[in-house]
N, C-alpha and C. Protein backbone atom coordinates (compact mmCIF):
# COMPACT_ATOMS: atom_id res chain seq x y z
N MET A 1 57.23 75.35 263.37
CA MET A 1 57.38 76.69 263.89
C MET A 1 57.24 76.65 265.41
N ALA A 2 58.13 77.29 266.09
CA ALA A 2 58.12 77.31 267.55
C ALA A 2 56.99 78.22 268.06
N ASP A 3 56.52 77.88 269.24
CA ASP A 3 55.56 78.74 269.93
C ASP A 3 56.35 79.72 270.77
N LEU A 4 56.07 81.01 270.62
CA LEU A 4 56.81 82.03 271.34
C LEU A 4 55.87 82.77 272.28
N GLU A 5 56.34 82.96 273.51
CA GLU A 5 55.56 83.70 274.51
C GLU A 5 56.51 84.65 275.24
N ASN A 6 56.07 85.87 275.46
CA ASN A 6 56.84 86.84 276.24
C ASN A 6 56.26 86.86 277.65
N VAL A 7 57.10 86.63 278.65
CA VAL A 7 56.67 86.63 280.05
C VAL A 7 57.58 87.56 280.85
N ASP A 8 57.16 87.86 282.05
CA ASP A 8 57.94 88.71 282.96
C ASP A 8 58.36 90.01 282.28
N VAL A 9 57.44 90.60 281.51
CA VAL A 9 57.75 91.84 280.79
C VAL A 9 57.75 92.99 281.79
N SER A 10 58.87 93.69 281.85
CA SER A 10 59.04 94.81 282.77
C SER A 10 58.05 95.93 282.46
N ASP A 11 57.51 96.54 283.51
CA ASP A 11 56.67 97.72 283.33
C ASP A 11 57.50 98.94 282.97
N GLU A 12 58.79 98.90 283.33
CA GLU A 12 59.69 100.01 283.00
C GLU A 12 59.99 99.98 281.51
N ARG A 13 59.80 101.12 280.85
CA ARG A 13 60.06 101.21 279.41
C ARG A 13 61.28 102.09 279.19
N VAL A 14 62.07 101.73 278.19
CA VAL A 14 63.23 102.52 277.81
C VAL A 14 62.88 103.22 276.49
N VAL A 15 62.88 104.55 276.53
CA VAL A 15 62.61 105.33 275.33
C VAL A 15 63.95 105.48 274.61
N VAL A 16 64.05 104.87 273.43
CA VAL A 16 65.32 104.86 272.71
C VAL A 16 65.41 105.97 271.66
N GLY A 17 64.32 106.66 271.41
CA GLY A 17 64.31 107.78 270.48
C GLY A 17 63.40 107.54 269.29
N ASN A 18 63.06 108.61 268.59
CA ASN A 18 62.23 108.58 267.39
C ASN A 18 60.87 107.90 267.63
N GLY A 19 60.37 107.98 268.86
CA GLY A 19 59.08 107.40 269.18
C GLY A 19 59.12 105.91 269.50
N VAL A 20 60.31 105.34 269.58
CA VAL A 20 60.46 103.89 269.81
C VAL A 20 60.78 103.65 271.28
N SER A 21 60.10 102.67 271.87
CA SER A 21 60.43 102.26 273.24
C SER A 21 60.38 100.75 273.35
N VAL A 22 61.12 100.24 274.33
CA VAL A 22 61.16 98.80 274.60
C VAL A 22 61.09 98.61 276.11
N PRO A 23 60.62 97.43 276.56
CA PRO A 23 60.67 97.16 277.99
C PRO A 23 62.13 97.08 278.45
N ALA A 24 62.38 97.41 279.71
CA ALA A 24 63.74 97.30 280.24
C ALA A 24 64.22 95.86 280.21
N SER A 25 63.30 94.90 280.38
CA SER A 25 63.66 93.49 280.32
C SER A 25 62.41 92.64 280.13
N TRP A 26 62.61 91.40 279.70
CA TRP A 26 61.54 90.42 279.58
C TRP A 26 62.17 89.06 279.32
N THR A 27 61.33 88.03 279.37
CA THR A 27 61.79 86.67 279.07
C THR A 27 61.01 86.13 277.88
N VAL A 28 61.74 85.59 276.93
CA VAL A 28 61.13 84.94 275.77
C VAL A 28 61.12 83.44 276.05
N VAL A 29 59.95 82.83 275.96
CA VAL A 29 59.82 81.38 276.16
C VAL A 29 59.48 80.76 274.81
N LEU A 30 60.31 79.81 274.39
CA LEU A 30 60.10 79.10 273.12
C LEU A 30 59.80 77.64 273.42
N ARG A 31 58.72 77.16 272.82
CA ARG A 31 58.35 75.75 272.94
C ARG A 31 58.18 75.18 271.54
N ASN A 32 58.41 73.90 271.40
CA ASN A 32 58.26 73.20 270.12
C ASN A 32 59.24 73.69 269.06
N GLU A 33 60.40 74.14 269.49
CA GLU A 33 61.46 74.52 268.56
C GLU A 33 62.00 73.23 267.94
N PRO A 34 62.12 73.18 266.61
CA PRO A 34 62.63 71.95 265.98
C PRO A 34 64.01 71.56 266.55
N ASP A 35 64.19 70.29 266.78
CA ASP A 35 65.45 69.70 267.26
C ASP A 35 65.84 70.13 268.67
N VAL A 36 64.91 70.72 269.42
CA VAL A 36 65.17 71.07 270.81
C VAL A 36 64.10 70.38 271.66
N PRO A 37 64.48 69.33 272.41
CA PRO A 37 63.49 68.55 273.16
C PRO A 37 63.14 69.21 274.50
N GLY A 38 62.56 70.38 274.45
CA GLY A 38 62.20 71.04 275.70
C GLY A 38 61.86 72.50 275.49
N GLU A 39 62.02 73.25 276.56
CA GLU A 39 61.65 74.66 276.57
C GLU A 39 62.90 75.52 276.63
N ILE A 40 62.92 76.57 275.82
CA ILE A 40 64.03 77.51 275.80
C ILE A 40 63.54 78.81 276.44
N ARG A 41 64.36 79.37 277.31
CA ARG A 41 64.06 80.67 277.92
C ARG A 41 65.23 81.60 277.64
N VAL A 42 64.91 82.75 277.05
CA VAL A 42 65.92 83.76 276.76
C VAL A 42 65.54 85.01 277.54
N ARG A 43 66.39 85.38 278.47
CA ARG A 43 66.16 86.61 279.25
C ARG A 43 66.75 87.75 278.43
N ALA A 44 65.92 88.73 278.09
CA ALA A 44 66.33 89.87 277.28
C ALA A 44 66.31 91.13 278.12
N ALA A 45 67.25 92.02 277.87
CA ALA A 45 67.30 93.30 278.58
C ALA A 45 67.93 94.35 277.68
N TYR A 46 67.52 95.58 277.88
CA TYR A 46 68.12 96.69 277.14
C TYR A 46 69.48 97.00 277.75
N ASP A 47 70.51 97.08 276.92
CA ASP A 47 71.86 97.41 277.37
C ASP A 47 72.18 98.82 276.89
N PRO A 48 72.25 99.80 277.81
CA PRO A 48 72.49 101.18 277.39
C PRO A 48 73.85 101.39 276.74
N ALA A 49 74.85 100.58 277.09
CA ALA A 49 76.17 100.73 276.47
C ALA A 49 76.13 100.32 275.01
N LEU A 50 75.30 99.34 274.67
CA LEU A 50 75.18 98.86 273.29
C LEU A 50 74.01 99.50 272.55
N SER A 51 73.13 100.17 273.29
CA SER A 51 71.93 100.82 272.73
C SER A 51 71.02 99.83 272.02
N ARG A 52 70.91 98.63 272.59
CA ARG A 52 70.03 97.62 271.99
C ARG A 52 69.71 96.54 273.01
N ILE A 53 68.80 95.68 272.61
CA ILE A 53 68.41 94.54 273.44
C ILE A 53 69.48 93.46 273.32
N VAL A 54 69.80 92.84 274.43
CA VAL A 54 70.76 91.73 274.44
C VAL A 54 70.17 90.56 275.22
N ALA A 55 70.67 89.38 274.94
CA ALA A 55 70.32 88.20 275.73
C ALA A 55 71.24 88.19 276.95
N THR A 56 70.66 88.19 278.13
CA THR A 56 71.46 88.16 279.35
C THR A 56 71.58 86.75 279.92
N GLU A 57 70.67 85.88 279.52
CA GLU A 57 70.70 84.50 280.01
C GLU A 57 69.87 83.64 279.06
N VAL A 58 70.37 82.45 278.76
CA VAL A 58 69.66 81.49 277.92
C VAL A 58 69.66 80.15 278.65
N THR A 59 68.48 79.57 278.81
CA THR A 59 68.39 78.25 279.43
C THR A 59 67.56 77.32 278.55
N VAL A 60 67.92 76.05 278.59
CA VAL A 60 67.16 75.02 277.89
C VAL A 60 66.83 73.95 278.93
N ALA A 61 65.55 73.67 279.11
CA ALA A 61 65.11 72.65 280.05
C ALA A 61 64.51 71.49 279.26
N ARG A 62 64.94 70.29 279.57
CA ARG A 62 64.42 69.13 278.84
C ARG A 62 62.94 68.94 279.15
N ARG A 63 62.24 68.30 278.24
CA ARG A 63 60.81 68.08 278.37
C ARG A 63 60.51 67.06 279.47
N GLY A 64 61.34 66.05 279.58
CA GLY A 64 61.09 65.01 280.58
C GLY A 64 62.05 63.85 280.41
N GLU A 65 61.75 62.76 281.09
CA GLU A 65 62.60 61.57 281.01
C GLU A 65 62.74 61.12 279.57
N GLY A 66 63.94 60.72 279.22
CA GLY A 66 64.22 60.27 277.86
C GLY A 66 64.75 61.38 276.96
N ASP A 67 64.63 62.62 277.41
CA ASP A 67 65.18 63.75 276.66
C ASP A 67 66.48 64.18 277.30
N GLU A 68 67.36 64.77 276.50
CA GLU A 68 68.64 65.20 277.02
C GLU A 68 69.03 66.51 276.33
N VAL A 69 69.61 67.42 277.09
CA VAL A 69 70.15 68.66 276.54
C VAL A 69 71.64 68.43 276.32
N THR A 70 72.05 68.50 275.07
CA THR A 70 73.46 68.28 274.71
C THR A 70 74.00 69.52 274.01
N SER A 71 75.29 69.50 273.70
CA SER A 71 75.87 70.63 272.97
C SER A 71 75.22 70.78 271.60
N LEU A 72 74.83 69.68 270.99
CA LEU A 72 74.12 69.74 269.71
C LEU A 72 72.78 70.45 269.89
N THR A 73 72.08 70.16 270.97
CA THR A 73 70.81 70.84 271.27
C THR A 73 71.04 72.34 271.41
N LEU A 74 72.07 72.70 272.14
CA LEU A 74 72.35 74.13 272.37
C LEU A 74 72.66 74.85 271.07
N ARG A 75 73.28 74.17 270.11
CA ARG A 75 73.58 74.81 268.82
C ARG A 75 72.32 75.10 268.02
N GLU A 76 71.24 74.43 268.33
CA GLU A 76 69.97 74.64 267.62
C GLU A 76 69.19 75.83 268.17
N VAL A 77 69.60 76.38 269.30
CA VAL A 77 68.89 77.49 269.91
C VAL A 77 69.21 78.77 269.13
N ARG A 78 68.18 79.39 268.59
CA ARG A 78 68.34 80.60 267.77
C ARG A 78 68.04 81.84 268.62
N VAL A 79 69.04 82.25 269.38
CA VAL A 79 68.88 83.34 270.33
C VAL A 79 68.54 84.65 269.62
N GLN A 80 69.27 84.98 268.57
CA GLN A 80 69.05 86.24 267.86
C GLN A 80 67.64 86.31 267.28
N THR A 81 67.17 85.21 266.72
CA THR A 81 65.82 85.18 266.17
C THR A 81 64.79 85.38 267.27
N ALA A 82 65.02 84.77 268.41
CA ALA A 82 64.09 84.95 269.54
C ALA A 82 64.02 86.41 269.96
N LEU A 83 65.18 87.08 270.03
CA LEU A 83 65.20 88.50 270.40
C LEU A 83 64.47 89.35 269.37
N GLN A 84 64.69 89.06 268.09
CA GLN A 84 64.08 89.86 267.03
C GLN A 84 62.56 89.70 267.00
N VAL A 85 62.10 88.46 267.00
CA VAL A 85 60.66 88.21 266.91
C VAL A 85 59.94 88.74 268.15
N SER A 86 60.49 88.46 269.33
CA SER A 86 59.84 88.95 270.55
C SER A 86 59.94 90.47 270.63
N GLY A 87 61.06 91.03 270.16
CA GLY A 87 61.23 92.48 270.15
C GLY A 87 60.17 93.19 269.34
N LEU A 88 59.77 92.60 268.22
CA LEU A 88 58.70 93.19 267.40
C LEU A 88 57.37 93.21 268.15
N LYS A 89 57.20 92.26 269.07
CA LYS A 89 55.94 92.18 269.82
C LYS A 89 55.90 93.11 271.03
N VAL A 90 57.04 93.28 271.71
CA VAL A 90 57.03 94.06 272.95
C VAL A 90 57.44 95.52 272.77
N SER A 91 58.07 95.84 271.63
CA SER A 91 58.45 97.23 271.38
C SER A 91 57.20 98.02 271.01
N THR A 92 57.25 99.32 271.22
CA THR A 92 56.16 100.19 270.79
C THR A 92 56.73 101.35 269.99
N VAL A 93 55.90 101.84 269.07
CA VAL A 93 56.29 102.96 268.22
C VAL A 93 55.15 103.96 268.23
N SER A 94 55.50 105.22 268.47
CA SER A 94 54.49 106.28 268.38
C SER A 94 54.93 107.26 267.30
N GLU A 95 53.96 107.69 266.52
CA GLU A 95 54.22 108.70 265.50
C GLU A 95 52.99 109.60 265.45
N PRO A 96 53.20 110.85 265.08
CA PRO A 96 52.08 111.80 265.04
C PRO A 96 50.93 111.28 264.16
N ASP A 97 49.71 111.53 264.62
CA ASP A 97 48.48 111.20 263.89
C ASP A 97 48.17 109.70 263.81
N TYR A 98 48.89 108.88 264.58
CA TYR A 98 48.62 107.45 264.60
C TYR A 98 48.63 106.96 266.05
N ALA A 99 47.87 105.90 266.30
CA ALA A 99 47.87 105.29 267.63
C ALA A 99 49.21 104.59 267.87
N VAL A 100 49.64 104.55 269.12
CA VAL A 100 50.84 103.81 269.48
C VAL A 100 50.61 102.34 269.12
N CYS A 101 51.62 101.70 268.53
CA CYS A 101 51.46 100.31 268.12
C CYS A 101 52.73 99.53 268.40
N SER A 102 52.65 98.22 268.25
CA SER A 102 53.83 97.37 268.43
C SER A 102 54.79 97.60 267.27
N GLY A 103 56.03 97.20 267.46
CA GLY A 103 57.01 97.32 266.39
C GLY A 103 56.59 96.55 265.14
N GLY A 104 56.02 95.37 265.33
CA GLY A 104 55.55 94.57 264.19
C GLY A 104 54.45 95.27 263.42
N ASP A 105 53.49 95.87 264.14
CA ASP A 105 52.41 96.61 263.48
C ASP A 105 52.96 97.84 262.76
N TYR A 106 53.95 98.49 263.35
CA TYR A 106 54.56 99.66 262.72
C TYR A 106 55.22 99.26 261.40
N ILE A 107 55.95 98.17 261.39
CA ILE A 107 56.61 97.72 260.16
C ILE A 107 55.58 97.39 259.08
N ARG A 108 54.48 96.75 259.46
CA ARG A 108 53.42 96.48 258.49
C ARG A 108 52.84 97.80 257.96
N ARG A 109 52.68 98.79 258.82
CA ARG A 109 52.17 100.10 258.40
C ARG A 109 53.12 100.76 257.41
N MET A 110 54.42 100.67 257.68
CA MET A 110 55.42 101.28 256.78
C MET A 110 55.38 100.64 255.40
N ARG A 111 55.20 99.33 255.36
CA ARG A 111 55.19 98.62 254.07
C ARG A 111 53.98 99.01 253.22
N LYS A 112 52.89 99.39 253.87
CA LYS A 112 51.67 99.77 253.15
C LYS A 112 51.62 101.26 252.79
N ARG A 113 52.40 102.07 253.48
CA ARG A 113 52.34 103.53 253.28
C ARG A 113 52.84 103.88 251.89
N GLU A 114 52.10 104.74 251.21
CA GLU A 114 52.46 105.16 249.86
C GLU A 114 52.47 106.68 249.77
N GLY A 115 53.08 107.19 248.71
CA GLY A 115 53.04 108.62 248.42
C GLY A 115 53.86 109.49 249.36
N ARG A 116 54.95 108.95 249.92
CA ARG A 116 55.79 109.75 250.81
C ARG A 116 56.59 110.75 249.99
N ASP A 117 56.73 111.96 250.52
CA ASP A 117 57.69 112.88 249.93
C ASP A 117 59.04 112.63 250.60
N LEU A 118 60.08 113.36 250.18
CA LEU A 118 61.42 113.12 250.72
C LEU A 118 61.47 113.33 252.23
N ALA A 119 60.83 114.41 252.72
CA ALA A 119 60.87 114.69 254.16
C ALA A 119 60.23 113.55 254.96
N ALA A 120 59.08 113.06 254.50
CA ALA A 120 58.39 111.95 255.19
C ALA A 120 59.22 110.68 255.11
N SER A 121 59.88 110.47 253.98
CA SER A 121 60.72 109.28 253.82
C SER A 121 61.89 109.30 254.81
N VAL A 122 62.48 110.47 255.01
CA VAL A 122 63.60 110.60 255.94
C VAL A 122 63.13 110.31 257.37
N VAL A 123 61.98 110.84 257.75
CA VAL A 123 61.45 110.60 259.10
C VAL A 123 61.10 109.13 259.28
N ASP A 124 60.41 108.54 258.30
CA ASP A 124 60.04 107.13 258.39
C ASP A 124 61.29 106.24 258.44
N ALA A 125 62.29 106.60 257.64
CA ALA A 125 63.54 105.82 257.63
C ALA A 125 64.22 105.88 258.99
N SER A 126 64.28 107.07 259.60
CA SER A 126 64.98 107.19 260.89
C SER A 126 64.24 106.43 261.99
N ARG A 127 62.92 106.45 261.97
CA ARG A 127 62.15 105.72 262.99
C ARG A 127 62.29 104.21 262.78
N THR A 128 62.21 103.77 261.54
CA THR A 128 62.36 102.34 261.23
C THR A 128 63.76 101.85 261.60
N TYR A 129 64.77 102.65 261.29
CA TYR A 129 66.15 102.31 261.62
C TYR A 129 66.31 102.14 263.13
N LYS A 130 65.77 103.08 263.89
CA LYS A 130 65.90 103.03 265.36
C LYS A 130 65.24 101.76 265.90
N LEU A 131 64.03 101.45 265.41
CA LEU A 131 63.33 100.24 265.86
C LEU A 131 64.16 99.00 265.53
N ALA A 132 64.61 98.89 264.29
CA ALA A 132 65.37 97.70 263.87
C ALA A 132 66.66 97.56 264.68
N ALA A 133 67.37 98.65 264.86
CA ALA A 133 68.65 98.59 265.57
C ALA A 133 68.47 98.13 267.02
N VAL A 134 67.43 98.61 267.68
CA VAL A 134 67.26 98.27 269.10
C VAL A 134 66.84 96.83 269.32
N ILE A 135 66.19 96.21 268.31
CA ILE A 135 65.78 94.81 268.48
C ILE A 135 66.64 93.85 267.65
N ASN A 136 67.79 94.32 267.19
CA ASN A 136 68.78 93.47 266.53
C ASN A 136 68.42 93.02 265.12
N LEU A 137 67.57 93.76 264.44
CA LEU A 137 67.36 93.50 263.01
C LEU A 137 68.40 94.31 262.25
N PRO A 138 68.81 93.88 261.07
CA PRO A 138 69.74 94.70 260.28
C PRO A 138 69.04 96.01 259.90
N PRO A 139 69.49 97.15 260.45
CA PRO A 139 68.70 98.38 260.30
C PRO A 139 68.57 98.92 258.88
N LEU A 140 69.63 98.93 258.10
CA LEU A 140 69.50 99.45 256.73
C LEU A 140 68.64 98.54 255.87
N LYS A 141 68.75 97.24 256.07
CA LYS A 141 67.90 96.31 255.33
C LYS A 141 66.44 96.52 255.73
N ALA A 142 66.18 96.75 257.01
CA ALA A 142 64.81 97.00 257.46
C ALA A 142 64.25 98.27 256.81
N VAL A 143 65.06 99.33 256.75
CA VAL A 143 64.62 100.58 256.11
C VAL A 143 64.30 100.31 254.64
N ALA A 144 65.21 99.63 253.94
CA ALA A 144 65.00 99.34 252.52
C ALA A 144 63.73 98.52 252.31
N ASP A 145 63.55 97.46 253.10
CA ASP A 145 62.39 96.60 252.95
C ASP A 145 61.09 97.33 253.29
N CYS A 146 61.08 98.07 254.39
CA CYS A 146 59.85 98.72 254.84
C CYS A 146 59.42 99.88 253.95
N LEU A 147 60.38 100.61 253.42
CA LEU A 147 60.05 101.75 252.57
C LEU A 147 60.01 101.38 251.09
N GLY A 148 60.39 100.15 250.77
CA GLY A 148 60.35 99.70 249.39
C GLY A 148 61.38 100.40 248.51
N VAL A 149 62.59 100.59 249.07
CA VAL A 149 63.66 101.25 248.33
C VAL A 149 64.89 100.34 248.32
N SER A 150 65.87 100.71 247.52
CA SER A 150 67.11 99.93 247.49
C SER A 150 67.92 100.20 248.76
N GLN A 151 68.89 99.34 249.01
CA GLN A 151 69.76 99.52 250.18
C GLN A 151 70.56 100.82 250.06
N SER A 152 70.99 101.17 248.85
CA SER A 152 71.75 102.42 248.69
C SER A 152 70.86 103.64 248.95
N THR A 153 69.59 103.57 248.54
CA THR A 153 68.66 104.67 248.84
C THR A 153 68.41 104.74 250.34
N ALA A 154 68.29 103.59 250.99
CA ALA A 154 68.12 103.56 252.45
C ALA A 154 69.32 104.23 253.13
N THR A 155 70.52 103.96 252.64
CA THR A 155 71.73 104.58 253.20
C THR A 155 71.69 106.09 253.02
N ARG A 156 71.29 106.55 251.83
CA ARG A 156 71.20 108.00 251.59
C ARG A 156 70.14 108.64 252.49
N LEU A 157 69.00 107.97 252.65
CA LEU A 157 67.96 108.51 253.54
C LEU A 157 68.47 108.62 254.98
N MET A 158 69.20 107.60 255.43
CA MET A 158 69.71 107.64 256.80
C MET A 158 70.82 108.67 256.96
N ASN A 159 71.63 108.86 255.94
CA ASN A 159 72.64 109.93 256.01
C ASN A 159 71.95 111.29 256.09
N ARG A 160 70.89 111.46 255.33
CA ARG A 160 70.14 112.71 255.37
C ARG A 160 69.51 112.88 256.77
N ALA A 161 68.96 111.80 257.32
CA ALA A 161 68.37 111.85 258.67
C ALA A 161 69.44 112.23 259.70
N ARG A 162 70.64 111.67 259.55
CA ARG A 162 71.73 111.98 260.48
C ARG A 162 72.10 113.45 260.37
N VAL A 163 72.24 113.95 259.15
CA VAL A 163 72.59 115.36 258.94
C VAL A 163 71.53 116.29 259.51
N GLU A 164 70.25 115.89 259.40
CA GLU A 164 69.14 116.70 259.90
C GLU A 164 68.89 116.51 261.40
N GLY A 165 69.72 115.70 262.06
CA GLY A 165 69.59 115.50 263.50
C GLY A 165 68.53 114.51 263.92
N LEU A 166 68.01 113.74 262.97
CA LEU A 166 66.96 112.76 263.28
C LEU A 166 67.52 111.39 263.66
N ALA A 167 68.83 111.22 263.52
CA ALA A 167 69.42 109.91 263.79
C ALA A 167 70.73 110.06 264.56
N PRO A 168 70.66 110.59 265.78
CA PRO A 168 71.90 110.72 266.55
C PRO A 168 72.49 109.35 266.85
N GLY A 169 73.80 109.28 266.79
CA GLY A 169 74.49 108.03 267.10
C GLY A 169 74.60 107.09 265.92
N VAL A 170 73.99 107.42 264.79
CA VAL A 170 74.09 106.57 263.62
C VAL A 170 75.37 106.94 262.87
N HIS A 171 76.18 105.92 262.62
CA HIS A 171 77.43 106.13 261.89
C HIS A 171 77.39 105.29 260.63
N LEU A 172 77.36 105.97 259.50
CA LEU A 172 77.30 105.29 258.21
C LEU A 172 78.58 105.55 257.44
N PRO A 173 78.88 104.70 256.46
CA PRO A 173 80.16 104.80 255.79
C PRO A 173 80.42 106.11 255.05
N ASP A 174 79.40 106.74 254.47
CA ASP A 174 79.65 107.92 253.66
C ASP A 174 78.72 109.05 254.05
N PRO A 175 79.15 109.95 254.94
CA PRO A 175 78.26 111.01 255.39
C PRO A 175 77.88 111.98 254.29
N SER A 176 78.58 111.99 253.16
CA SER A 176 78.22 112.91 252.09
C SER A 176 77.17 112.32 251.15
N ALA A 177 76.77 111.08 251.38
CA ALA A 177 75.81 110.43 250.49
C ALA A 177 74.38 110.81 250.83
N THR A 178 74.07 112.07 250.74
CA THR A 178 72.73 112.54 251.09
C THR A 178 71.88 112.83 249.88
N GLY A 179 72.37 112.57 248.71
CA GLY A 179 71.58 112.80 247.51
C GLY A 179 72.30 113.71 246.55
N PRO A 180 71.58 114.23 245.59
CA PRO A 180 72.20 115.07 244.58
C PRO A 180 72.82 116.32 245.18
N VAL A 181 73.93 116.73 244.61
CA VAL A 181 74.62 117.93 245.06
C VAL A 181 74.48 118.99 243.97
N THR A 182 74.05 120.19 244.36
CA THR A 182 73.96 121.27 243.39
C THR A 182 75.31 121.92 243.24
N ASN A 183 75.59 122.43 242.06
CA ASN A 183 76.87 123.09 241.76
C ASN A 183 78.07 122.18 242.00
N ALA A 184 77.90 120.92 241.70
CA ALA A 184 79.00 119.96 241.88
C ALA A 184 80.07 120.24 240.81
N PRO A 185 81.31 119.93 241.10
CA PRO A 185 82.34 120.07 240.08
C PRO A 185 82.05 119.10 238.93
N ALA A 186 82.78 119.26 237.86
CA ALA A 186 82.60 118.41 236.68
C ALA A 186 82.72 116.96 237.07
N PRO A 187 81.92 116.09 236.44
CA PRO A 187 82.01 114.68 236.79
C PRO A 187 83.40 114.13 236.50
N GLY A 188 83.80 113.25 237.31
CA GLY A 188 85.10 112.63 237.14
C GLY A 188 85.04 111.20 237.58
N GLY A 189 86.13 110.58 237.62
CA GLY A 189 86.18 109.19 238.04
C GLY A 189 87.51 108.90 238.67
N PRO A 190 87.76 107.66 238.94
CA PRO A 190 89.02 107.31 239.55
C PRO A 190 90.17 107.56 238.58
N THR A 191 91.29 107.90 239.10
CA THR A 191 92.47 108.10 238.27
C THR A 191 93.45 106.97 238.56
N ILE A 192 94.10 106.54 237.54
CA ILE A 192 95.09 105.48 237.69
C ILE A 192 96.44 106.11 237.42
N GLY A 193 97.32 105.93 238.33
CA GLY A 193 98.57 106.55 237.99
C GLY A 193 99.51 106.59 239.06
């Protein structure tokens, strides 16, 4: 397992919504990464056009004489993983009635939370989605895992959050998938013909 350290963390924070914020920029330093004979530095910054953290620069420095950085070495650098893991450490999440915490602590809190009603589930889903999206985790999978629901339920929760204005900018495949519909027409199915 690599040793990860966040350095040069910007004091400027970007509030991305739903109580989630990230530093404007920072550097992730990885040491002891398997098959990489040296130190990896990933410069991370929030990109407002993409609404998420991106790697702006990646460097690999050899450990010393006898080591070499080759194209094979560069293929072993897991940039996305570095952004995700460090993002969980430097992001912060605030929610009513709780202390501000890191993204990682928030995800652990969500996994332990029980007894949510639908309204609380929609709010928790929208906050978890925002955190995951900004640090490059698969957002619907994060919602499903953190809330202990299926991926299809996570999609319905996020559609409901979008309809309720809790998830601006979220585009999901089926905006009508918000749950049961009252007074629906008779059930039907696909027609062949």
